[in-house]
Every structure is written in structure tokens, then in C-alpha cells.
Amino acid sequence: MRTIDDDSPAILLVHEPYFFPWVPDRIALTLAGHMHGGQINLPIIGPPVSLLKRRSGKYIYGEYALSERRMIVSGGLGTSLAPVRVLRPPEVVMVKLGGIDAVA
């Protein structure tokens, strides 16, 4: 990221979404997928992975915002540890980027 030397919006691809609070403000969008969307998403209690992880289970799946920065955490296609998914089907996320039209 040190080589980014202008003010254009930038996209950051990360493995672990836990870094989102420390991502610089000049990064407009962060894309992550480490958690497999929780992989197992139990009714009422949600993903049990958040109970097992030493780090915060806050960024497991979905869209997040901190000030002007955005992050999308995909459920992805694979699994981790147990080869099973419960109430979190595999997914491929398509992100459509657009700019702001200048009005004269």
C-alpha cells in the first residue's frame, strides 16, 4: 500500500477480515473471505466459530462500514476443519463498482 501515491479510491484484498479497523482511510473497499461465512450458522446463536476464535467474531459474514470505508466478507466456496455447511451455502460474490458522475 505504500506505493499508492494518489487520492484515487483503492481496493484491498485480505485473507482475514479482523484487520478492517486498522485499514487506512484511503482504502475505499476491503474484500475478505477467511471465515467461510461462519460455515455453520446455527439459529439464534449464529456461527459457533465466533465462540472458538480467539479474535473477535464480529467480521464473519456480510457487509461492514467504518466511516467511509466498506468491507465485504464472502461466504466463499470451501470449508475449514469440518467438511460441512449449515445454513450458510457456498457463494460467489459479484461486486459492481461505479463512480460518481460529475454534474456541471
PDB file of N, CA and C in Angstrom:
ATOM      1  N   MET A   1       0.820  -1.202   0.000  1.00  0.00           N
ATOM      2  CA  MET A   1       0.000   0.000   0.000  1.00  0.00           C
ATOM      3  C   MET A   1       0.858   1.258   0.000  1.00  0.00           C
ATOM      4  N   ARG A   2       2.116   1.113   0.321  1.00  0.00           N
ATOM      5  CA  ARG A   2       2.995   2.296   0.353  1.00  0.00           C
ATOM      6  C   ARG A   2       3.175   2.909  -1.021  1.00  0.00           C
ATOM      7  N   THR A   3       3.033   2.113  -2.073  1.00  0.00           N
ATOM      8  CA  THR A   3       3.263   2.632  -3.417  1.00  0.00           C
ATOM      9  C   THR A   3       2.057   3.380  -3.975  1.00  0.00           C
ATOM     10  N   ILE A   4       0.945   3.388  -3.276  1.00  0.00           N
ATOM     11  CA  ILE A   4      -0.218   4.156  -3.723  1.00  0.00           C
ATOM     12  C   ILE A   4       0.064   5.610  -3.387  1.00  0.00           C
ATOM     13  N   ASP A   5       0.201   6.441  -4.428  1.00  0.00           N
ATOM     14  CA  ASP A   5       0.635   7.808  -4.181  1.00  0.00           C
ATOM     15  C   ASP A   5      -0.336   8.874  -4.688  1.00  0.00           C
ATOM     16  N   ASP A   6      -1.592   8.485  -4.923  1.00  0.00           N
ATOM     17  CA  ASP A   6      -2.588   9.487  -5.288  1.00  0.00           C
ATOM     18  C   ASP A   6      -3.836   9.297  -4.425  1.00  0.00           C
ATOM     19  N   ASP A   7      -4.871  10.083  -4.689  1.00  0.00           N
ATOM     20  CA  ASP A   7      -6.091  10.028  -3.877  1.00  0.00           C
ATOM     21  C   ASP A   7      -7.190   9.166  -4.484  1.00  0.00           C
ATOM     22  N   SER A   8      -6.885   8.428  -5.526  1.00  0.00           N
ATOM     23  CA  SER A   8      -7.890   7.568  -6.153  1.00  0.00           C
ATOM     24  C   SER A   8      -8.329   6.489  -5.171  1.00  0.00           C
ATOM     25  N   PRO A   9      -9.599   6.088  -5.220  1.00  0.00           N
ATOM     26  CA  PRO A   9     -10.056   5.008  -4.339  1.00  0.00           C
ATOM     27  C   PRO A   9      -9.279   3.722  -4.618  1.00  0.00           C
ATOM     28  N   ALA A  10      -8.989   2.969  -3.574  1.00  0.00           N
ATOM     29  CA  ALA A  10      -8.241   1.725  -3.717  1.00  0.00           C
ATOM     30  C   ALA A  10      -9.031   0.576  -3.106  1.00  0.00           C
ATOM     31  N   ILE A  11      -8.789  -0.636  -3.613  1.00  0.00           N
ATOM     32  CA  ILE A  11      -9.424  -1.849  -3.109  1.00  0.00           C
ATOM     33  C   ILE A  11      -8.344  -2.720  -2.493  1.00  0.00           C
ATOM     34  N   LEU A  12      -8.626  -3.248  -1.305  1.00  0.00           N
ATOM     35  CA  LEU A  12      -7.685  -4.106  -0.597  1.00  0.00           C
ATOM     36  C   LEU A  12      -8.270  -5.509  -0.504  1.00  0.00           C
ATOM     37  N   LEU A  13      -7.502  -6.513  -0.911  1.00  0.00           N
ATOM     38  CA  LEU A  13      -7.895  -7.909  -0.755  1.00  0.00           C
ATOM     39  C   LEU A  13      -7.137  -8.457   0.444  1.00  0.00           C
ATOM     40  N   VAL A  14      -7.866  -8.979   1.438  1.00  0.00           N
ATOM     41  CA  VAL A  14      -7.233  -9.528   2.636  1.00  0.00           C
ATOM     42  C   VAL A  14      -7.763 -10.925   2.896  1.00  0.00           C
ATOM     43  N   HIS A  15      -6.966 -11.722   3.546  1.00  0.00           N
ATOM     44  CA  HIS A  15      -7.412 -13.056   3.922  1.00  0.00           C
ATOM     45  C   HIS A  15      -8.273 -12.978   5.184  1.00  0.00           C
ATOM     46  N   GLU A  16      -7.787 -12.284   6.197  1.00  0.00           N
ATOM     47  CA  GLU A  16      -8.510 -12.199   7.472  1.00  0.00           C
ATOM     48  C   GLU A  16      -9.220 -10.860   7.607  1.00  0.00           C
ATOM     49  N   PRO A  17     -10.520 -10.863   7.839  1.00  0.00           N
ATOM     50  CA  PRO A  17     -11.265  -9.610   7.947  1.00  0.00           C
ATOM     51  C   PRO A  17     -11.009  -8.850   9.250  1.00  0.00           C
ATOM     52  N   TYR A  18     -10.322  -9.457  10.206  1.00  0.00           N
ATOM     53  CA  TYR A  18     -10.086  -8.802  11.501  1.00  0.00           C
ATOM     54  C   TYR A  18      -9.270  -7.527  11.378  1.00  0.00           C
ATOM     55  N   PHE A  19      -8.551  -7.360  10.276  1.00  0.00           N
ATOM     56  CA  PHE A  19      -7.707  -6.189  10.093  1.00  0.00           C
ATOM     57  C   PHE A  19      -8.489  -4.946   9.695  1.00  0.00           C
ATOM     58  N   PHE A  20      -9.772  -5.090   9.414  1.00  0.00           N
ATOM     59  CA  PHE A  20     -10.574  -3.977   8.902  1.00  0.00           C
ATOM     60  C   PHE A  20     -10.477  -2.708   9.746  1.00  0.00           C
ATOM     61  N   PRO A  21     -10.537  -2.750  11.056  1.00  0.00           N
ATOM     62  CA  PRO A  21     -10.441  -1.499  11.829  1.00  0.00           C
ATOM     63  C   PRO A  21      -9.122  -0.750  11.630  1.00  0.00           C
ATOM     64  N   TRP A  22      -8.068  -1.426  11.202  1.00  0.00           N
ATOM     65  CA  TRP A  22      -6.760  -0.803  11.028  1.00  0.00           C
ATOM     66  C   TRP A  22      -6.432  -0.482   9.578  1.00  0.00           C
ATOM     67  N   VAL A  23      -7.364  -0.738   8.672  1.00  0.00           N
ATOM     68  CA  VAL A  23      -7.138  -0.424   7.258  1.00  0.00           C
ATOM     69  C   VAL A  23      -7.146   1.102   7.110  1.00  0.00           C
ATOM     70  N   PRO A  24      -6.180   1.659   6.381  1.00  0.00           N
ATOM     71  CA  PRO A  24      -6.129   3.111   6.200  1.00  0.00           C
ATOM     72  C   PRO A  24      -7.381   3.662   5.522  1.00  0.00           C
ATOM     73  N   ASP A  25      -7.706   4.900   5.843  1.00  0.00           N
ATOM     74  CA  ASP A  25      -8.901   5.542   5.288  1.00  0.00           C
ATOM     75  C   ASP A  25      -8.858   5.663   3.775  1.00  0.00           C
ATOM     76  N   ARG A  26      -7.675   5.652   3.174  1.00  0.00           N
ATOM     77  CA  ARG A  26      -7.604   5.809   1.728  1.00  0.00           C
ATOM     78  C   ARG A  26      -8.057   4.546   0.984  1.00  0.00           C
ATOM     79  N   ILE A  27      -8.273   3.437   1.701  1.00  0.00           N
ATOM     80  CA  ILE A  27      -8.795   2.202   1.099  1.00  0.00           C
ATOM     81  C   ILE A  27     -10.324   2.279   1.133  1.00  0.00           C
ATOM     82  N   ALA A  28     -10.946   2.365  -0.027  1.00  0.00           N
ATOM     83  CA  ALA A  28     -12.401   2.520  -0.104  1.00  0.00           C
ATOM     84  C   ALA A  28     -13.142   1.209   0.150  1.00  0.00           C
ATOM     85  N   LEU A  29     -12.573   0.104  -0.325  1.00  0.00           N
ATOM     86  CA  LEU A  29     -13.253  -1.186  -0.224  1.00  0.00           C
ATOM     87  C   LEU A  29     -12.256  -2.275   0.138  1.00  0.00           C
ATOM     88  N   THR A  30     -12.622  -3.087   1.136  1.00  0.00           N
ATOM     89  CA  THR A  30     -11.832  -4.243   1.525  1.00  0.00           C
ATOM     90  C   THR A  30     -12.663  -5.484   1.223  1.00  0.00           C
ATOM     91  N   LEU A  31     -12.051  -6.476   0.580  1.00  0.00           N
ATOM     92  CA  LEU A  31     -12.721  -7.741   0.273  1.00  0.00           C
ATOM     93  C   LEU A  31     -12.013  -8.856   1.039  1.00  0.00           C
ATOM     94  N   ALA A  32     -12.788  -9.654   1.778  1.00  0.00           N
ATOM     95  CA  ALA A  32     -12.224 -10.732   2.598  1.00  0.00           C
ATOM     96  C   ALA A  32     -13.097 -11.972   2.490  1.00  0.00           C
ATOM     97  N   GLY A  33     -12.566 -13.119   2.926  1.00  0.00           N
ATOM     98  CA  GLY A  33     -13.350 -14.344   2.845  1.00  0.00           C
ATOM     99  C   GLY A  33     -12.878 -15.440   3.774  1.00  0.00           C
ATOM    100  N   HIS A  34     -12.012 -15.145   4.689  1.00  0.00           N
ATOM    101  CA  HIS A  34     -11.365 -16.130   5.549  1.00  0.00           C
ATOM    102  C   HIS A  34     -12.330 -17.018   6.340  1.00  0.00           C
ATOM    103  N   MET A  35     -13.412 -16.493   6.792  1.00  0.00           N
ATOM    104  CA  MET A  35     -14.277 -17.201   7.735  1.00  0.00           C
ATOM    105  C   MET A  35     -15.286 -18.144   7.080  1.00  0.00           C
ATOM    106  N   HIS A  36     -15.323 -18.247   5.783  1.00  0.00           N
ATOM    107  CA  HIS A  36     -16.297 -19.093   5.073  1.00  0.00           C
ATOM    108  C   HIS A  36     -17.728 -18.744   5.474  1.00  0.00           C
ATOM    109  N   GLY A  37     -17.937 -17.492   5.870  1.00  0.00           N
ATOM    110  CA  GLY A  37     -19.265 -17.038   6.281  1.00  0.00           C
ATOM    111  C   GLY A  37     -19.728 -17.671   7.577  1.00  0.00           C
ATOM    112  N   GLY A  38     -18.803 -18.187   8.341  1.00  0.00           N
ATOM    113  CA  GLY A  38     -19.170 -18.899   9.556  1.00  0.00           C
ATOM    114  C   GLY A  38     -19.295 -20.382   9.291  1.00  0.00           C
ATOM    115  N   GLN A  39     -19.559 -20.742   8.039  1.00  0.00           N
ATOM    116  CA  GLN A  39     -19.650 -22.137   7.580  1.00  0.00           C
ATOM    117  C   GLN A  39     -20.827 -22.871   8.217  1.00  0.00           C
ATOM    118  N   ILE A  40     -20.949 -22.769   9.519  1.00  0.00           N
ATOM    119  CA  ILE A  40     -22.090 -23.347  10.237  1.00  0.00           C
ATOM    120  C   ILE A  40     -22.774 -22.183  10.935  1.00  0.00           C
ATOM    121  N   ASN A  41     -24.012 -21.927  10.569  1.00  0.00           N
ATOM    122  CA  ASN A  41     -24.740 -20.770  11.077  1.00  0.00           C
ATOM    123  C   ASN A  41     -25.987 -21.271  11.793  1.00  0.00           C
ATOM    124  N   LEU A  42     -25.900 -21.442  13.087  1.00  0.00           N
ATOM    125  CA  LEU A  42     -26.994 -22.018  13.867  1.00  0.00           C
ATOM    126  C   LEU A  42     -28.063 -20.978  14.197  1.00  0.00           C
ATOM    127  N   PRO A  43     -29.341 -21.372  14.147  1.00  0.00           N
ATOM    128  CA  PRO A  43     -30.403 -20.442  14.526  1.00  0.00           C
ATOM    129  C   PRO A  43     -30.183 -19.933  15.958  1.00  0.00           C
ATOM    130  N   ILE A  44     -30.521 -18.718  16.175  1.00  0.00           N
ATOM    131  CA  ILE A  44     -30.443 -17.998  17.453  1.00  0.00           C
ATOM    132  C   ILE A  44     -29.003 -17.648  17.849  1.00  0.00           C
ATOM    133  N   ILE A  45     -28.066 -18.605  17.916  1.00  0.00           N
ATOM    134  CA  ILE A  45     -26.723 -18.281  18.381  1.00  0.00           C
ATOM    135  C   ILE A  45     -25.778 -17.881  17.256  1.00  0.00           C
ATOM    136  N   GLY A  46     -26.133 -18.163  16.013  1.00  0.00           N
ATOM    137  CA  GLY A  46     -25.289 -17.788  14.886  1.00  0.00           C
ATOM    138  C   GLY A  46     -24.128 -18.749  14.695  1.00  0.00           C
ATOM    139  N   PRO A  47     -23.052 -18.255  14.070  1.00  0.00           N
ATOM    140  CA  PRO A  47     -21.903 -19.112  13.787  1.00  0.00           C
ATOM    141  C   PRO A  47     -21.119 -19.460  15.055  1.00  0.00           C
ATOM    142  N   PRO A  48     -20.976 -20.738  15.380  1.00  0.00           N
ATOM    143  CA  PRO A  48     -20.216 -21.107  16.575  1.00  0.00           C
ATOM    144  C   PRO A  48     -18.734 -20.801  16.463  1.00  0.00           C
ATOM    145  N   VAL A  49     -18.244 -20.532  15.233  1.00  0.00           N
ATOM    146  CA  VAL A  49     -16.834 -20.206  15.060  1.00  0.00           C
ATOM    147  C   VAL A  49     -16.468 -18.967  15.861  1.00  0.00           C
ATOM    148  N   SER A  50     -17.418 -18.053  16.049  1.00  0.00           N
ATOM    149  CA  SER A  50     -17.126 -16.848  16.817  1.00  0.00           C
ATOM    150  C   SER A  50     -16.856 -17.181  18.278  1.00  0.00           C
ATOM    151  N   LEU A  51     -17.380 -18.294  18.756  1.00  0.00           N
ATOM    152  CA  LEU A  51     -17.126 -18.717  20.127  1.00  0.00           C
ATOM    153  C   LEU A  51     -15.760 -19.374  20.259  1.00  0.00           C
ATOM    154  N   LEU A  52     -15.263 -19.961  19.161  1.00  0.00           N
ATOM    155  CA  LEU A  52     -13.995 -20.694  19.176  1.00  0.00           C
ATOM    156  C   LEU A  52     -12.795 -19.814  18.874  1.00  0.00           C
ATOM    157  N   LYS A  53     -13.007 -18.747  18.144  1.00  0.00           N
ATOM    158  CA  LYS A  53     -11.890 -17.904  17.722  1.00  0.00           C
ATOM    159  C   LYS A  53     -11.398 -17.044  18.880  1.00  0.00           C
ATOM    160  N   ARG A  54     -10.091 -16.897  18.959  1.00  0.00           N
ATOM    161  CA  ARG A  54      -9.510 -16.026  19.973  1.00  0.00           C
ATOM    162  C   ARG A  54      -9.774 -14.568  19.640  1.00  0.00           C
ATOM    163  N   ARG A  55      -9.867 -14.260  18.382  1.00  0.00           N
ATOM    164  CA  ARG A  55     -10.138 -12.888  17.955  1.00  0.00           C
ATOM    165  C   ARG A  55     -11.639 -12.673  17.889  1.00  0.00           C
ATOM    166  N   SER A  56     -12.030 -11.440  17.714  1.00  0.00           N
ATOM    167  CA  SER A  56     -13.447 -11.086  17.651  1.00  0.00           C
ATOM    168  C   SER A  56     -14.147 -11.816  16.509  1.00  0.00           C
ATOM    169  N   GLY A  57     -15.341 -12.301  16.752  1.00  0.00           N
ATOM    170  CA  GLY A  57     -16.157 -12.929  15.723  1.00  0.00           C
ATOM    171  C   GLY A  57     -17.032 -11.925  15.015  1.00  0.00           C
ATOM    172  N   LYS A  58     -16.713 -10.649  15.148  1.00  0.00           N
ATOM    173  CA  LYS A  58     -17.546  -9.582  14.601  1.00  0.00           C
ATOM    174  C   LYS A  58     -17.621  -9.590  13.073  1.00  0.00           C
ATOM    175  N   TYR A  59     -16.533  -9.894  12.402  1.00  0.00           N
ATOM    176  CA  TYR A  59     -16.484  -9.803  10.940  1.00  0.00           C
ATOM    177  C   TYR A  59     -16.492 -11.178  10.303  1.00  0.00           C
ATOM    178  N   ILE A  60     -17.588 -11.899  10.446  1.00  0.00           N
ATOM    179  CA  ILE A  60     -17.667 -13.258   9.928  1.00  0.00           C
ATOM    180  C   ILE A  60     -18.281 -13.317   8.536  1.00  0.00           C
ATOM    181  N   TYR A  61     -19.314 -12.506   8.287  1.00  0.00           N
ATOM    182  CA  TYR A  61     -20.010 -12.597   7.014  1.00  0.00           C
ATOM    183  C   TYR A  61     -20.798 -11.317   6.763  1.00  0.00           C
ATOM    184  N   GLY A  62     -20.787 -10.856   5.533  1.00  0.00           N
ATOM    185  CA  GLY A  62     -21.644  -9.738   5.143  1.00  0.00           C
ATOM    186  C   GLY A  62     -20.887  -8.466   4.824  1.00  0.00           C
ATOM    187  N   GLU A  63     -21.630  -7.359   4.882  1.00  0.00           N
ATOM    188  CA  GLU A  63     -21.083  -6.041   4.572  1.00  0.00           C
ATOM    189  C   GLU A  63     -20.909  -5.246   5.856  1.00  0.00           C
ATOM    190  N   TYR A  64     -19.798  -4.513   5.925  1.00  0.00           N
ATOM    191  CA  TYR A  64     -19.480  -3.721   7.103  1.00  0.00           C
ATOM    192  C   TYR A  64     -19.029  -2.339   6.670  1.00  0.00           C
ATOM    193  N   ALA A  65     -19.217  -1.348   7.539  1.00  0.00           N
ATOM    194  CA  ALA A  65     -18.783   0.016   7.248  1.00  0.00           C
ATOM    195  C   ALA A  65     -18.144   0.618   8.495  1.00  0.00           C
ATOM    196  N   LEU A  66     -17.037   1.292   8.274  1.00  0.00           N
ATOM    197  CA  LEU A  66     -16.387   2.112   9.299  1.00  0.00           C
ATOM    198  C   LEU A  66     -16.067   3.440   8.638  1.00  0.00           C
ATOM    199  N   SER A  67     -16.702   4.491   9.070  1.00  0.00           N
ATOM    200  CA  SER A  67     -16.645   5.811   8.448  1.00  0.00           C
ATOM    201  C   SER A  67     -16.934   5.659   6.958  1.00  0.00           C
ATOM    202  N   GLU A  68     -16.043   6.071   6.088  1.00  0.00           N
ATOM    203  CA  GLU A  68     -16.282   5.983   4.638  1.00  0.00           C
ATOM    204  C   GLU A  68     -15.814   4.666   4.042  1.00  0.00           C
ATOM    205  N   ARG A  69     -15.157   3.826   4.831  1.00  0.00           N
ATOM    206  CA  ARG A  69     -14.618   2.559   4.332  1.00  0.00           C
ATOM    207  C   ARG A  69     -15.683   1.470   4.380  1.00  0.00           C
ATOM    208  N   ARG A  70     -15.612   0.551   3.418  1.00  0.00           N
ATOM    209  CA  ARG A  70     -16.548  -0.572   3.352  1.00  0.00           C
ATOM    210  C   ARG A  70     -15.759  -1.876   3.255  1.00  0.00           C
ATOM    211  N   MET A  71     -16.371  -2.953   3.780  1.00  0.00           N
ATOM    212  CA  MET A  71     -15.768  -4.278   3.644  1.00  0.00           C
ATOM    213  C   MET A  71     -16.871  -5.286   3.349  1.00  0.00           C
ATOM    214  N   ILE A  72     -16.564  -6.227   2.474  1.00  0.00           N
ATOM    215  CA  ILE A  72     -17.458  -7.349   2.176  1.00  0.00           C
ATOM    216  C   ILE A  72     -16.714  -8.620   2.549  1.00  0.00           C
ATOM    217  N   VAL A  73     -17.341  -9.447   3.408  1.00  0.00           N
ATOM    218  CA  VAL A  73     -16.781 -10.750   3.772  1.00  0.00           C
ATOM    219  C   VAL A  73     -17.665 -11.808   3.129  1.00  0.00           C
ATOM    220  N   SER A  74     -17.115 -12.529   2.194  1.00  0.00           N
ATOM    221  CA  SER A  74     -17.848 -13.544   1.436  1.00  0.00           C
ATOM    222  C   SER A  74     -17.925 -14.863   2.201  1.00  0.00           C
ATOM    223  N   GLY A  75     -18.989 -15.597   1.949  1.00  0.00           N
ATOM    224  CA  GLY A  75     -19.103 -16.952   2.484  1.00  0.00           C
ATOM    225  C   GLY A  75     -18.200 -17.926   1.761  1.00  0.00           C
ATOM    226  N   GLY A  76     -17.776 -17.559   0.564  1.00  0.00           N
ATOM    227  CA  GLY A  76     -16.844 -18.382  -0.198  1.00  0.00           C
ATOM    228  C   GLY A  76     -17.422 -19.715  -0.638  1.00  0.00           C
ATOM    229  N   LEU A  77     -16.537 -20.570  -1.111  1.00  0.00           N
ATOM    230  CA  LEU A  77     -16.948 -21.862  -1.657  1.00  0.00           C
ATOM    231  C   LEU A  77     -16.536 -23.044  -0.793  1.00  0.00           C
ATOM    232  N   GLY A  78     -15.464 -22.920  -0.068  1.00  0.00           N
ATOM    233  CA  GLY A  78     -14.889 -24.069   0.631  1.00  0.00           C
ATOM    234  C   GLY A  78     -15.360 -24.222   2.066  1.00  0.00           C
ATOM    235  N   THR A  79     -14.646 -25.092   2.757  1.00  0.00           N
ATOM    236  CA  THR A  79     -14.903 -25.336   4.170  1.00  0.00           C
ATOM    237  C   THR A  79     -13.560 -25.373   4.897  1.00  0.00           C
ATOM    238  N   SER A  80     -13.632 -25.354   6.200  1.00  0.00           N
ATOM    239  CA  SER A  80     -12.429 -25.427   7.015  1.00  0.00           C
ATOM    240  C   SER A  80     -12.704 -26.364   8.185  1.00  0.00           C
ATOM    241  N   LEU A  81     -11.748 -27.149   8.548  1.00  0.00           N
ATOM    242  CA  LEU A  81     -11.892 -28.155   9.614  1.00  0.00           C
ATOM    243  C   LEU A  81     -12.935 -29.201   9.243  1.00  0.00           C
ATOM    244  N   ALA A  82     -14.206 -28.949   9.515  1.00  0.00           N
ATOM    245  CA  ALA A  82     -15.266 -29.910   9.173  1.00  0.00           C
ATOM    246  C   ALA A  82     -15.754 -29.658   7.745  1.00  0.00           C
ATOM    247  N   PRO A  83     -15.849 -30.694   6.908  1.00  0.00           N
ATOM    248  CA  PRO A  83     -16.306 -30.508   5.525  1.00  0.00           C
ATOM    249  C   PRO A  83     -17.833 -30.420   5.428  1.00  0.00           C
ATOM    250  N   VAL A  84     -18.422 -29.456   6.128  1.00  0.00           N
ATOM    251  CA  VAL A  84     -19.874 -29.316   6.173  1.00  0.00           C
ATOM    252  C   VAL A  84     -20.240 -27.835   6.242  1.00  0.00           C
ATOM    253  N   ARG A  85     -21.437 -27.525   5.718  1.00  0.00           N
ATOM    254  CA  ARG A  85     -22.011 -26.180   5.834  1.00  0.00           C
ATOM    255  C   ARG A  85     -23.443 -26.328   6.329  1.00  0.00           C
ATOM    256  N   VAL A  86     -23.841 -25.471   7.264  1.00  0.00           N
ATOM    257  CA  VAL A  86     -25.199 -25.481   7.786  1.00  0.00           C
ATOM    258  C   VAL A  86     -25.740 -24.060   7.728  1.00  0.00           C
ATOM    259  N   LEU A  87     -26.812 -23.852   6.991  1.00  0.00           N
ATOM    260  CA  LEU A  87     -27.456 -22.552   6.816  1.00  0.00           C
ATOM    261  C   LEU A  87     -26.499 -21.460   6.356  1.00  0.00           C
ATOM    262  N   ARG A  88     -25.456 -21.824   5.648  1.00  0.00           N
ATOM    263  CA  ARG A  88     -24.544 -20.863   5.021  1.00  0.00           C
ATOM    264  C   ARG A  88     -24.036 -21.513   3.737  1.00  0.00           C
ATOM    265  N   PRO A  89     -24.853 -21.450   2.686  1.00  0.00           N
ATOM    266  CA  PRO A  89     -24.471 -22.108   1.435  1.00  0.00           C
ATOM    267  C   PRO A  89     -23.241 -21.456   0.808  1.00  0.00           C
ATOM    268  N   PRO A  90     -22.513 -22.201  -0.007  1.00  0.00           N
ATOM    269  CA  PRO A  90     -21.380 -21.612  -0.724  1.00  0.00           C
ATOM    270  C   PRO A  90     -21.865 -20.474  -1.614  1.00  0.00           C
ATOM    271  N   GLU A  91     -21.007 -19.501  -1.831  1.00  0.00           N
ATOM    272  CA  GLU A  91     -21.407 -18.376  -2.678  1.00  0.00           C
ATOM    273  C   GLU A  91     -20.204 -17.778  -3.400  1.00  0.00           C
ATOM    274  N   VAL A  92     -20.506 -17.198  -4.539  1.00  0.00           N
ATOM    275  CA  VAL A  92     -19.557 -16.381  -5.273  1.00  0.00           C
ATOM    276  C   VAL A  92     -20.175 -14.992  -5.301  1.00  0.00           C
ATOM    277  N   VAL A  93     -19.442 -14.012  -4.839  1.00  0.00           N
ATOM    278  CA  VAL A  93     -19.955 -12.648  -4.748  1.00  0.00           C
ATOM    279  C   VAL A  93     -19.487 -11.850  -5.954  1.00  0.00           C
ATOM    280  N   MET A  94     -20.428 -11.153  -6.576  1.00  0.00           N
ATOM    281  CA  MET A  94     -20.087 -10.255  -7.665  1.00  0.00           C
ATOM    282  C   MET A  94     -20.258  -8.830  -7.142  1.00  0.00           C
ATOM    283  N   VAL A  95     -19.198  -8.067  -7.221  1.00  0.00           N
ATOM    284  CA  VAL A  95     -19.216  -6.682  -6.750  1.00  0.00           C
ATOM    285  C   VAL A  95     -19.192  -5.779  -7.969  1.00  0.00           C
ATOM    286  N   LYS A  96     -20.198  -4.923  -8.066  1.00  0.00           N
ATOM    287  CA  LYS A  96     -20.261  -3.985  -9.172  1.00  0.00           C
ATOM    288  C   LYS A  96     -19.787  -2.622  -8.656  1.00  0.00           C
ATOM    289  N   LEU A  97     -18.736  -2.108  -9.265  1.00  0.00           N
ATOM    290  CA  LEU A  97     -18.167  -0.834  -8.858  1.00  0.00           C
ATOM    291  C   LEU A  97     -18.671   0.251  -9.782  1.00  0.00           C
ATOM    292  N   GLY A  98     -18.947   1.390  -9.221  1.00  0.00           N
ATOM    293  CA  GLY A  98     -19.401   2.513 -10.014  1.00  0.00           C
ATOM    294  C   GLY A  98     -18.851   3.807  -9.452  1.00  0.00           C
ATOM    295  N   GLY A  99     -18.782   4.815 -10.293  1.00  0.00           N
ATOM    296  CA  GLY A  99     -18.269   6.112  -9.862  1.00  0.00           C
ATOM    297  C   GLY A  99     -19.390   7.098  -9.703  1.00  0.00           C
ATOM    298  N   ILE A 100     -19.017   8.228  -9.214  1.00  0.00           N
ATOM    299  CA  ILE A 100     -19.969   9.326  -9.052  1.00  0.00           C
ATOM    300  C   ILE A 100     -19.857  10.208 -10.301  1.00  0.00           C
ATOM    301  N   ASP A 101     -20.990  10.410 -10.943  1.00  0.00           N
ATOM    302  CA  ASP A 101     -20.987  11.254 -12.149  1.00  0.00           C
ATOM    303  C   ASP A 101     -20.874  12.717 -11.746  1.00  0.00           C
ATOM    304  N   ALA A 102     -19.988  13.422 -12.402  1.00  0.00           N
ATOM    305  CA  ALA A 102     -19.826  14.853 -12.135  1.00  0.00           C
ATOM    306  C   ALA A 102     -20.982  15.617 -12.790  1.00  0.00           C
ATOM    307  N   VAL A 103     -21.562  16.541 -12.053  1.00  0.00           N
ATOM    308  CA  VAL A 103     -22.648  17.360 -12.557  1.00  0.00           C
ATOM    309  C   VAL A 103     -22.099  18.757 -12.791  1.00  0.00           C
ATOM    310  N   ALA A 104     -22.243  19.262 -14.030  1.00  0.00           N
ATOM    311  CA  ALA A 104     -21.709  20.589 -14.352  1.00  0.00           C
ATOM    312  C   ALA A 104     -22.742  21.645 -14.121  1.00  0.00           C
TER     313      ALA A 104
END
